[in-house]
């Protein structure tokens, strides 16, 4: 790709976006724009107003490296180290999954149910497998009176989550190292709300994942076992080790899994209500359960 000494920022954009499109990068124009904003340190408005300006020579080497990484398939979010979620910016590294917009629906549902059940009170929320911390932190921002804990088995992921937590809510979230509910069971804490976006990709689907996901995002946060349901079984089983069952539980699920996870919850016979939350495409993305 020829990006040496583009005459303007517009030319740098045109060359890079054309190159990425030729390399089969989806949404090449949008990716190029995000990378330009990052390398120049500008927001989108400043970028669009500055198309005719000369591209800074001192940024060319970094620009070339970023475009090369994107052409190889690396997610833009890992290249720039940031991803927006529910109006906040989160640091992301290859140690954590990149937060997705559909997960915002799960946060909204948990906040809605919890606020109805405990108006003005301080329920304890546990985010299991927190990754970047996006779910736990967004809940803490939306409901500042709630107590929020977050667990993860990966120490590298917890370091990212702690960084994000301090950035947005200070020390309000307690981050715990351990596998699923283990650190909470150890404390015998009475959890009111349990929420999780666990690994849910079936074994057979792992080799067929989009390149940006399968080659770059952490497999431990993706692979859900032979049928993709291992972690839902474990979460429901480990709830029985708590002093009392959470009053509300919410899970993100893979495409085509919502009905099966809802049926697992119903078979327990311990929930008064269940609900599937659908995204804008009509896909069941989240399953909720709550006691009367």
C-alpha atoms as a PDB file:
ATOM      1  CA  UNK A   1       0.000   0.000   0.000  1.00  0.00           C
ATOM      2  CA  UNK A   2       1.334   3.415  -0.926  1.00  0.00           C
ATOM      3  CA  UNK A   3       0.759   5.787   1.968  1.00  0.00           C
ATOM      4  CA  UNK A   4       4.131   7.548   1.912  1.00  0.00           C
ATOM      5  CA  UNK A   5       3.706  11.290   2.168  1.00  0.00           C
ATOM      6  CA  UNK A   6       0.018  11.676   1.261  1.00  0.00           C
ATOM      7  CA  UNK A   7      -0.658  15.242   0.200  1.00  0.00           C
ATOM      8  CA  UNK A   8      -3.560  15.625   2.647  1.00  0.00           C
ATOM      9  CA  UNK A   9      -5.531  13.883   5.351  1.00  0.00           C
ATOM     10  CA  UNK A  10      -8.250  13.215   2.772  1.00  0.00           C
ATOM     11  CA  UNK A  11      -5.714  11.473   0.533  1.00  0.00           C
ATOM     12  CA  UNK A  12      -4.460   9.359   3.445  1.00  0.00           C
ATOM     13  CA  UNK A  13      -8.047   8.349   4.136  1.00  0.00           C
ATOM     14  CA  UNK A  14      -8.823   7.518   0.497  1.00  0.00           C
ATOM     15  CA  UNK A  15      -5.670   5.431   0.006  1.00  0.00           C
ATOM     16  CA  UNK A  16      -6.084   3.506   3.245  1.00  0.00           C
ATOM     17  CA  UNK A  17      -9.803   2.820   2.890  1.00  0.00           C
ATOM     18  CA  UNK A  18      -9.330   1.602  -0.700  1.00  0.00           C
ATOM     19  CA  UNK A  19      -6.491  -0.672   0.380  1.00  0.00           C
ATOM     20  CA  UNK A  20      -8.485  -2.157   3.270  1.00  0.00           C
ATOM     21  CA  UNK A  21     -11.462  -2.754   0.998  1.00  0.00           C
ATOM     22  CA  UNK A  22      -9.194  -4.589  -1.451  1.00  0.00           C
ATOM     23  CA  UNK A  23      -7.993  -6.748   1.451  1.00  0.00           C
ATOM     24  CA  UNK A  24     -11.564  -7.780   2.198  1.00  0.00           C
ATOM     25  CA  UNK A  25     -11.951  -5.733   5.378  1.00  0.00           C
ATOM     26  CA  UNK A  26     -15.624  -5.178   6.139  1.00  0.00           C
ATOM     27  CA  UNK A  27     -16.675  -1.573   6.748  1.00  0.00           C
ATOM     28  CA  UNK A  28     -13.279  -0.431   5.489  1.00  0.00           C
ATOM     29  CA  UNK A  29     -14.283   3.244   5.346  1.00  0.00           C
ATOM     30  CA  UNK A  30     -15.539   3.299   8.942  1.00  0.00           C
ATOM     31  CA  UNK A  31     -12.433   1.464  10.162  1.00  0.00           C
ATOM     32  CA  UNK A  32     -10.151   3.925   8.391  1.00  0.00           C
ATOM     33  CA  UNK A  33     -11.986   6.873   9.889  1.00  0.00           C
ATOM     34  CA  UNK A  34     -11.643   5.482  13.424  1.00  0.00           C
ATOM     35  CA  UNK A  35      -7.958   4.800  12.934  1.00  0.00           C
ATOM     36  CA  UNK A  36      -7.416   8.312  11.568  1.00  0.00           C
ATOM     37  CA  UNK A  37      -9.161   9.854  14.557  1.00  0.00           C
ATOM     38  CA  UNK A  38      -6.925   7.847  16.859  1.00  0.00           C
ATOM     39  CA  UNK A  39      -3.603   8.525  15.148  1.00  0.00           C
ATOM     40  CA  UNK A  40      -4.360  12.254  14.893  1.00  0.00           C
ATOM     41  CA  UNK A  41      -5.952  12.557  18.328  1.00  0.00           C
ATOM     42  CA  UNK A  42      -9.061  14.224  16.880  1.00  0.00           C
ATOM     43  CA  UNK A  43     -12.784  13.660  17.215  1.00  0.00           C
ATOM     44  CA  UNK A  44     -14.891  13.054  14.096  1.00  0.00           C
ATOM     45  CA  UNK A  45     -15.954  16.690  13.726  1.00  0.00           C
ATOM     46  CA  UNK A  46     -12.352  17.902  13.784  1.00  0.00           C
ATOM     47  CA  UNK A  47     -11.389  15.211  11.281  1.00  0.00           C
ATOM     48  CA  UNK A  48     -14.108  16.125   8.792  1.00  0.00           C
ATOM     49  CA  UNK A  49     -13.260  19.821   9.040  1.00  0.00           C
ATOM     50  CA  UNK A  50      -9.577  19.130   8.403  1.00  0.00           C
ATOM     51  CA  UNK A  51      -9.634  17.008   5.228  1.00  0.00           C
ATOM     52  CA  UNK A  52      -7.483  19.473   3.196  1.00  0.00           C
ATOM     53  CA  UNK A  53      -4.740  19.748   5.843  1.00  0.00           C
ATOM     54  CA  UNK A  54      -1.373  18.058   5.370  1.00  0.00           C
ATOM     55  CA  UNK A  55      -0.909  14.686   7.018  1.00  0.00           C
ATOM     56  CA  UNK A  56       1.665  15.075   9.819  1.00  0.00           C
ATOM     57  CA  UNK A  57       4.918  13.421   8.725  1.00  0.00           C
ATOM     58  CA  UNK A  58       5.732  12.358  12.278  1.00  0.00           C
ATOM     59  CA  UNK A  59       2.587  10.174  12.320  1.00  0.00           C
ATOM     60  CA  UNK A  60       3.272   8.290   9.080  1.00  0.00           C
ATOM     61  CA  UNK A  61       5.094   5.326  10.625  1.00  0.00           C
ATOM     62  CA  UNK A  62       2.341   4.791  13.196  1.00  0.00           C
ATOM     63  CA  UNK A  63      -0.319   5.203  10.502  1.00  0.00           C
ATOM     64  CA  UNK A  64       1.353   2.612   8.270  1.00  0.00           C
ATOM     65  CA  UNK A  65       1.576   0.132  11.154  1.00  0.00           C
ATOM     66  CA  UNK A  66      -2.085   0.568  12.100  1.00  0.00           C
ATOM     67  CA  UNK A  67      -3.341   0.040   8.557  1.00  0.00           C
ATOM     68  CA  UNK A  68      -1.115  -3.033   8.159  1.00  0.00           C
ATOM     69  CA  UNK A  69      -2.513  -4.529  11.366  1.00  0.00           C
ATOM     70  CA  UNK A  70      -6.084  -3.850  10.254  1.00  0.00           C
ATOM     71  CA  UNK A  71      -5.432  -5.397   6.845  1.00  0.00           C
ATOM     72  CA  UNK A  72      -4.239  -8.554   8.622  1.00  0.00           C
ATOM     73  CA  UNK A  73      -7.611  -8.790  10.366  1.00  0.00           C
ATOM     74  CA  UNK A  74      -6.917  -7.327  13.802  1.00  0.00           C
ATOM     75  CA  UNK A  75      -9.983  -5.591  15.291  1.00  0.00           C
ATOM     76  CA  UNK A  76      -9.860  -1.809  15.262  1.00  0.00           C
ATOM     77  CA  UNK A  77     -10.699  -1.812  18.964  1.00  0.00           C
ATOM     78  CA  UNK A  78      -7.489  -3.651  19.841  1.00  0.00           C
ATOM     79  CA  UNK A  79      -5.434  -1.394  17.574  1.00  0.00           C
ATOM     80  CA  UNK A  80      -6.687   1.800  19.211  1.00  0.00           C
ATOM     81  CA  UNK A  81      -7.213   0.175  22.628  1.00  0.00           C
ATOM     82  CA  UNK A  82     -10.722   1.550  23.117  1.00  0.00           C
ATOM     83  CA  UNK A  83     -14.387   0.647  22.595  1.00  0.00           C
ATOM     84  CA  UNK A  84     -17.546   2.587  23.424  1.00  0.00           C
ATOM     85  CA  UNK A  85     -20.288   0.910  25.436  1.00  0.00           C
ATOM     86  CA  UNK A  86     -23.450   2.600  26.702  1.00  0.00           C
ATOM     87  CA  UNK A  87     -21.972   6.058  26.205  1.00  0.00           C
ATOM     88  CA  UNK A  88     -18.660   5.372  27.945  1.00  0.00           C
ATOM     89  CA  UNK A  89     -15.250   4.528  26.525  1.00  0.00           C
ATOM     90  CA  UNK A  90     -13.571   1.344  27.754  1.00  0.00           C
ATOM     91  CA  UNK A  91      -9.974   0.222  27.462  1.00  0.00           C
ATOM     92  CA  UNK A  92      -9.752  -3.127  25.667  1.00  0.00           C
ATOM     93  CA  UNK A  93      -6.833  -5.480  25.065  1.00  0.00           C
ATOM     94  CA  UNK A  94      -6.607  -8.977  23.545  1.00  0.00           C
ATOM     95  CA  UNK A  95      -7.158 -10.269  27.099  1.00  0.00           C
ATOM     96  CA  UNK A  96     -10.859  -9.329  26.947  1.00  0.00           C
ATOM     97  CA  UNK A  97     -13.760  -9.626  24.560  1.00  0.00           C
ATOM     98  CA  UNK A  98     -14.696  -6.432  22.770  1.00  0.00           C
ATOM     99  CA  UNK A  99     -17.999  -5.151  24.251  1.00  0.00           C
ATOM    100  CA  UNK A 100     -20.893  -5.432  21.788  1.00  0.00           C
ATOM    101  CA  UNK A 101     -23.868  -3.079  21.431  1.00  0.00           C
ATOM    102  CA  UNK A 102     -26.381  -5.902  21.942  1.00  0.00           C
ATOM    103  CA  UNK A 103     -25.066  -6.422  25.479  1.00  0.00           C
ATOM    104  CA  UNK A 104     -26.449  -2.992  26.322  1.00  0.00           C
ATOM    105  CA  UNK A 105     -29.919  -4.569  26.158  1.00  0.00           C
ATOM    106  CA  UNK A 106     -28.970  -6.951  28.971  1.00  0.00           C
ATOM    107  CA  UNK A 107     -27.787  -4.072  31.151  1.00  0.00           C
ATOM    108  CA  UNK A 108     -31.015  -2.170  30.494  1.00  0.00           C
ATOM    109  CA  UNK A 109     -33.127  -5.190  31.441  1.00  0.00           C
ATOM    110  CA  UNK A 110     -31.207  -5.805  34.670  1.00  0.00           C
ATOM    111  CA  UNK A 111     -31.438  -2.141  35.677  1.00  0.00           C
ATOM    112  CA  UNK A 112     -35.167  -2.083  34.889  1.00  0.00           C
ATOM    113  CA  UNK A 113     -35.999  -5.201  36.914  1.00  0.00           C
ATOM    114  CA  UNK A 114     -33.699  -4.312  39.792  1.00  0.00           C
ATOM    115  CA  UNK A 115     -35.009  -0.772  40.090  1.00  0.00           C
ATOM    116  CA  UNK A 116     -38.589  -2.050  40.262  1.00  0.00           C
ATOM    117  CA  UNK A 117     -37.749  -4.627  42.925  1.00  0.00           C
ATOM    118  CA  UNK A 118     -35.452  -2.505  45.113  1.00  0.00           C
ATOM    119  CA  UNK A 119     -36.435   1.157  44.633  1.00  0.00           C
ATOM    120  CA  UNK A 120     -33.955   3.364  46.468  1.00  0.00           C
ATOM    121  CA  UNK A 121     -32.214   0.324  47.979  1.00  0.00           C
ATOM    122  CA  UNK A 122     -28.784  -1.277  47.588  1.00  0.00           C
ATOM    123  CA  UNK A 123     -29.004  -4.793  46.147  1.00  0.00           C
ATOM    124  CA  UNK A 124     -25.805  -6.743  45.559  1.00  0.00           C
ATOM    125  CA  UNK A 125     -25.098  -7.394  41.870  1.00  0.00           C
ATOM    126  CA  UNK A 126     -22.568 -10.004  40.737  1.00  0.00           C
ATOM    127  CA  UNK A 127     -21.220  -9.838  37.173  1.00  0.00           C
ATOM    128  CA  UNK A 128     -19.701 -13.252  36.447  1.00  0.00           C
ATOM    129  CA  UNK A 129     -16.881 -13.345  33.896  1.00  0.00           C
ATOM    130  CA  UNK A 130     -16.652  -9.575  33.725  1.00  0.00           C
ATOM    131  CA  UNK A 131     -13.971  -9.264  31.014  1.00  0.00           C
ATOM    132  CA  UNK A 132     -13.531  -5.552  30.312  1.00  0.00           C
ATOM    133  CA  UNK A 133     -15.953  -4.774  33.142  1.00  0.00           C
ATOM    134  CA  UNK A 134     -18.451  -3.108  30.787  1.00  0.00           C
ATOM    135  CA  UNK A 135     -21.570  -4.733  32.290  1.00  0.00           C
ATOM    136  CA  UNK A 136     -20.605  -4.207  35.926  1.00  0.00           C
ATOM    137  CA  UNK A 137     -19.400  -0.649  35.392  1.00  0.00           C
ATOM    138  CA  UNK A 138     -22.438   0.422  33.389  1.00  0.00           C
ATOM    139  CA  UNK A 139     -24.735  -0.942  36.098  1.00  0.00           C
ATOM    140  CA  UNK A 140     -22.705   0.910  38.734  1.00  0.00           C
ATOM    141  CA  UNK A 141     -22.989   4.139  36.737  1.00  0.00           C
ATOM    142  CA  UNK A 142     -26.717   3.754  36.141  1.00  0.00           C
ATOM    143  CA  UNK A 143     -27.487   2.688  39.728  1.00  0.00           C
ATOM    144  CA  UNK A 144     -24.944   4.402  41.997  1.00  0.00           C
ATOM    145  CA  UNK A 145     -26.621   3.127  45.173  1.00  0.00           C
ATOM    146  CA  UNK A 146     -26.232  -0.540  44.154  1.00  0.00           C
ATOM    147  CA  UNK A 147     -23.338  -2.680  45.365  1.00  0.00           C
ATOM    148  CA  UNK A 148     -21.498  -4.323  42.474  1.00  0.00           C
ATOM    149  CA  UNK A 149     -19.051  -7.224  42.462  1.00  0.00           C
ATOM    150  CA  UNK A 150     -17.349  -8.627  39.371  1.00  0.00           C
ATOM    151  CA  UNK A 151     -15.409 -11.870  38.890  1.00  0.00           C
ATOM    152  CA  UNK A 152     -13.057 -13.249  36.276  1.00  0.00           C
ATOM    153  CA  UNK A 153     -10.689 -16.207  36.095  1.00  0.00           C
ATOM    154  CA  UNK A 154      -8.223 -14.276  33.924  1.00  0.00           C
ATOM    155  CA  UNK A 155      -5.926 -11.984  35.885  1.00  0.00           C
ATOM    156  CA  UNK A 156      -5.105 -10.092  32.684  1.00  0.00           C
ATOM    157  CA  UNK A 157      -8.813  -9.454  32.111  1.00  0.00           C
ATOM    158  CA  UNK A 158      -9.288  -8.308  35.704  1.00  0.00           C
ATOM    159  CA  UNK A 159      -6.485  -5.793  35.290  1.00  0.00           C
ATOM    160  CA  UNK A 160      -8.326  -4.285  32.317  1.00  0.00           C
ATOM    161  CA  UNK A 161     -11.629  -4.267  34.227  1.00  0.00           C
ATOM    162  CA  UNK A 162     -10.065  -2.647  37.292  1.00  0.00           C
ATOM    163  CA  UNK A 163      -8.537   0.061  35.089  1.00  0.00           C
ATOM    164  CA  UNK A 164     -11.921   0.743  33.516  1.00  0.00           C
ATOM    165  CA  UNK A 165     -13.658   0.681  36.885  1.00  0.00           C
ATOM    166  CA  UNK A 166     -11.321   3.249  38.395  1.00  0.00           C
ATOM    167  CA  UNK A 167     -11.768   5.430  35.325  1.00  0.00           C
ATOM    168  CA  UNK A 168     -15.555   5.536  35.562  1.00  0.00           C
ATOM    169  CA  UNK A 169     -16.678   4.719  39.125  1.00  0.00           C
ATOM    170  CA  UNK A 170     -13.545   4.926  41.257  1.00  0.00           C
ATOM    171  CA  UNK A 171     -13.315   2.109  43.804  1.00  0.00           C
ATOM    172  CA  UNK A 172     -17.041   1.344  43.964  1.00  0.00           C
ATOM    173  CA  UNK A 173     -16.813  -2.097  42.327  1.00  0.00           C
ATOM    174  CA  UNK A 174     -15.192  -5.038  44.085  1.00  0.00           C
ATOM    175  CA  UNK A 175     -13.274  -7.153  41.577  1.00  0.00           C
ATOM    176  CA  UNK A 176     -12.698 -10.790  42.559  1.00  0.00           C
ATOM    177  CA  UNK A 177     -10.326 -13.294  40.985  1.00  0.00           C
ATOM    178  CA  UNK A 178     -11.751 -16.762  40.471  1.00  0.00           C
ATOM    179  CA  UNK A 179     -13.652 -19.183  38.276  1.00  0.00           C
ATOM    180  CA  UNK A 180     -17.310 -18.196  37.772  1.00  0.00           C
ATOM    181  CA  UNK A 181     -19.070 -18.041  41.183  1.00  0.00           C
ATOM    182  CA  UNK A 182     -16.192 -19.584  43.162  1.00  0.00           C
ATOM    183  CA  UNK A 183     -14.993 -16.373  44.869  1.00  0.00           C
ATOM    184  CA  UNK A 184     -18.572 -15.447  45.778  1.00  0.00           C
ATOM    185  CA  UNK A 185     -19.382 -18.926  47.087  1.00  0.00           C
ATOM    186  CA  UNK A 186     -16.201 -18.760  49.152  1.00  0.00           C
ATOM    187  CA  UNK A 187     -17.491 -15.592  50.798  1.00  0.00           C
ATOM    188  CA  UNK A 188     -21.007 -17.026  51.117  1.00  0.00           C
ATOM    189  CA  UNK A 189     -22.387 -13.707  49.938  1.00  0.00           C
ATOM    190  CA  UNK A 190     -26.111 -13.228  49.441  1.00  0.00           C
ATOM    191  CA  UNK A 191     -26.321 -12.067  45.846  1.00  0.00           C
ATOM    192  CA  UNK A 192     -29.522 -10.319  44.797  1.00  0.00           C
ATOM    193  CA  UNK A 193     -28.825 -10.011  41.055  1.00  0.00           C
ATOM    194  CA  UNK A 194     -26.604 -12.292  39.011  1.00  0.00           C
ATOM    195  CA  UNK A 195     -25.656 -11.296  35.468  1.00  0.00           C
ATOM    196  CA  UNK A 196     -23.275 -12.959  33.033  1.00  0.00           C
ATOM    197  CA  UNK A 197     -22.156 -12.943  29.422  1.00  0.00           C
ATOM    198  CA  UNK A 198     -20.351 -16.309  29.477  1.00  0.00           C
ATOM    199  CA  UNK A 199     -18.543 -18.167  26.675  1.00  0.00           C
ATOM    200  CA  UNK A 200     -21.199 -19.721  24.434  1.00  0.00           C
ATOM    201  CA  UNK A 201     -19.670 -20.662  21.065  1.00  0.00           C
ATOM    202  CA  UNK A 202     -20.080 -24.422  20.342  1.00  0.00           C
ATOM    203  CA  UNK A 203     -16.902 -26.365  19.551  1.00  0.00           C
ATOM    204  CA  UNK A 204     -17.893 -26.981  15.936  1.00  0.00           C
ATOM    205  CA  UNK A 205     -18.378 -23.249  15.321  1.00  0.00           C
ATOM    206  CA  UNK A 206     -15.023 -22.122  16.708  1.00  0.00           C
ATOM    207  CA  UNK A 207     -13.038 -22.754  13.463  1.00  0.00           C
ATOM    208  CA  UNK A 208     -15.708 -20.920  11.453  1.00  0.00           C
ATOM    209  CA  UNK A 209     -15.698 -17.691  13.445  1.00  0.00           C
ATOM    210  CA  UNK A 210     -15.076 -14.440  11.627  1.00  0.00           C
ATOM    211  CA  UNK A 211     -11.317 -13.855  11.340  1.00  0.00           C
ATOM    212  CA  UNK A 212     -11.396 -10.779  13.576  1.00  0.00           C
ATOM    213  CA  UNK A 213     -13.014 -12.839  16.340  1.00  0.00           C
ATOM    214  CA  UNK A 214     -11.485 -16.292  15.969  1.00  0.00           C
ATOM    215  CA  UNK A 215      -7.885 -15.175  15.525  1.00  0.00           C
ATOM    216  CA  UNK A 216      -7.771 -12.233  17.899  1.00  0.00           C
ATOM    217  CA  UNK A 217     -10.341 -12.382  20.703  1.00  0.00           C
ATOM    218  CA  UNK A 218      -9.590 -14.692  23.677  1.00  0.00           C
ATOM    219  CA  UNK A 219     -10.828 -18.245  23.059  1.00  0.00           C
ATOM    220  CA  UNK A 220     -11.374 -18.796  26.781  1.00  0.00           C
ATOM    221  CA  UNK A 221     -14.057 -16.107  26.614  1.00  0.00           C
ATOM    222  CA  UNK A 222     -15.651 -17.606  23.495  1.00  0.00           C
ATOM    223  CA  UNK A 223     -15.642 -21.411  23.672  1.00  0.00           C
ATOM    224  CA  UNK A 224     -18.697 -22.743  25.486  1.00  0.00           C
ATOM    225  CA  UNK A 225     -18.017 -26.467  25.099  1.00  0.00           C
ATOM    226  CA  UNK A 226     -19.404 -29.058  22.732  1.00  0.00           C
ATOM    227  CA  UNK A 227     -22.870 -27.521  22.500  1.00  0.00           C
ATOM    228  CA  UNK A 228     -21.991 -24.050  23.764  1.00  0.00           C
ATOM    229  CA  UNK A 229     -24.042 -24.540  26.939  1.00  0.00           C
ATOM    230  CA  UNK A 230     -21.390 -25.633  29.444  1.00  0.00           C
ATOM    231  CA  UNK A 231     -21.205 -22.349  31.317  1.00  0.00           C
ATOM    232  CA  UNK A 232     -24.961 -21.971  31.699  1.00  0.00           C
ATOM    233  CA  UNK A 233     -25.095 -25.415  33.306  1.00  0.00           C
ATOM    234  CA  UNK A 234     -22.238 -24.525  35.623  1.00  0.00           C
ATOM    235  CA  UNK A 235     -23.697 -21.150  36.586  1.00  0.00           C
ATOM    236  CA  UNK A 236     -27.080 -22.639  37.458  1.00  0.00           C
ATOM    237  CA  UNK A 237     -25.430 -25.436  39.422  1.00  0.00           C
ATOM    238  CA  UNK A 238     -23.103 -23.123  41.344  1.00  0.00           C
ATOM    239  CA  UNK A 239     -26.016 -20.889  42.361  1.00  0.00           C
ATOM    240  CA  UNK A 240     -27.102 -23.740  44.632  1.00  0.00           C
ATOM    241  CA  UNK A 241     -23.900 -23.264  46.634  1.00  0.00           C
ATOM    242  CA  UNK A 242     -24.865 -19.712  47.603  1.00  0.00           C
ATOM    243  CA  UNK A 243     -26.709 -19.025  50.883  1.00  0.00           C
ATOM    244  CA  UNK A 244     -29.768 -18.078  48.845  1.00  0.00           C
ATOM    245  CA  UNK A 245     -30.650 -18.000  45.166  1.00  0.00           C
ATOM    246  CA  UNK A 246     -30.447 -14.575  43.487  1.00  0.00           C
ATOM    247  CA  UNK A 247     -33.815 -12.902  43.023  1.00  0.00           C
ATOM    248  CA  UNK A 248     -32.897 -11.923  39.446  1.00  0.00           C
ATOM    249  CA  UNK A 249     -30.619 -13.607  36.919  1.00  0.00           C
ATOM    250  CA  UNK A 250     -29.745 -12.455  33.414  1.00  0.00           C
ATOM    251  CA  UNK A 251     -27.601 -14.112  30.749  1.00  0.00           C
ATOM    252  CA  UNK A 252     -26.403 -13.220  27.290  1.00  0.00           C
ATOM    253  CA  UNK A 253     -26.745 -16.192  24.920  1.00  0.00           C
ATOM    254  CA  UNK A 254     -25.589 -17.186  21.472  1.00  0.00           C
ATOM    255  CA  UNK A 255     -27.821 -17.156  18.420  1.00  0.00           C
ATOM    256  CA  UNK A 256     -30.344 -19.987  18.638  1.00  0.00           C
ATOM    257  CA  UNK A 257     -29.659 -20.690  22.336  1.00  0.00           C
ATOM    258  CA  UNK A 258     -32.251 -18.493  24.050  1.00  0.00           C
ATOM    259  CA  UNK A 259     -35.056 -21.059  24.183  1.00  0.00           C
ATOM    260  CA  UNK A 260     -32.726 -23.798  25.456  1.00  0.00           C
ATOM    261  CA  UNK A 261     -31.340 -21.600  28.236  1.00  0.00           C
ATOM    262  CA  UNK A 262     -34.841 -20.461  29.185  1.00  0.00           C
ATOM    263  CA  UNK A 263     -35.913 -24.114  29.371  1.00  0.00           C
ATOM    264  CA  UNK A 264     -32.952 -24.891  31.648  1.00  0.00           C
ATOM    265  CA  UNK A 265     -34.112 -22.142  33.997  1.00  0.00           C
ATOM    266  CA  UNK A 266     -37.716 -23.346  33.938  1.00  0.00           C
ATOM    267  CA  UNK A 267     -36.691 -26.943  34.703  1.00  0.00           C
ATOM    268  CA  UNK A 268     -35.072 -25.756  37.908  1.00  0.00           C
ATOM    269  CA  UNK A 269     -38.511 -24.865  39.197  1.00  0.00           C
ATOM    270  CA  UNK A 270     -37.072 -22.027  41.253  1.00  0.00           C
ATOM    271  CA  UNK A 271     -38.069 -19.017  39.164  1.00  0.00           C
ATOM    272  CA  UNK A 272     -41.500 -17.440  38.958  1.00  0.00           C
ATOM    273  CA  UNK A 273     -40.911 -15.776  35.599  1.00  0.00           C
ATOM    274  CA  UNK A 274     -38.595 -15.976  32.605  1.00  0.00           C
ATOM    275  CA  UNK A 275     -38.213 -13.698  29.614  1.00  0.00           C
ATOM    276  CA  UNK A 276     -36.237 -13.653  26.368  1.00  0.00           C
ATOM    277  CA  UNK A 277     -34.905 -10.284  25.214  1.00  0.00           C
ATOM    278  CA  UNK A 278     -34.707  -9.919  21.422  1.00  0.00           C
ATOM    279  CA  UNK A 279     -32.420  -7.584  19.512  1.00  0.00           C
ATOM    280  CA  UNK A 280     -33.492  -5.329  16.637  1.00  0.00           C
ATOM    281  CA  UNK A 281     -33.006  -8.205  14.186  1.00  0.00           C
ATOM    282  CA  UNK A 282     -35.435 -10.370  16.159  1.00  0.00           C
ATOM    283  CA  UNK A 283     -32.687 -12.650  17.528  1.00  0.00           C
ATOM    284  CA  UNK A 284     -33.026 -13.867  21.120  1.00  0.00           C
ATOM    285  CA  UNK A 285     -29.933 -12.384  22.781  1.00  0.00           C
ATOM    286  CA  UNK A 286     -30.630 -12.505  26.503  1.00  0.00           C
ATOM    287  CA  UNK A 287     -32.567 -14.635  28.960  1.00  0.00           C
ATOM    288  CA  UNK A 288     -33.893 -13.281  32.256  1.00  0.00           C
ATOM    289  CA  UNK A 289     -35.340 -15.091  35.239  1.00  0.00           C
ATOM    290  CA  UNK A 290     -36.702 -13.742  38.506  1.00  0.00           C
ATOM    291  CA  UNK A 291     -38.451 -14.859  41.625  1.00  0.00           C
ATOM    292  CA  UNK A 292     -41.793 -13.452  42.694  1.00  0.00           C
END
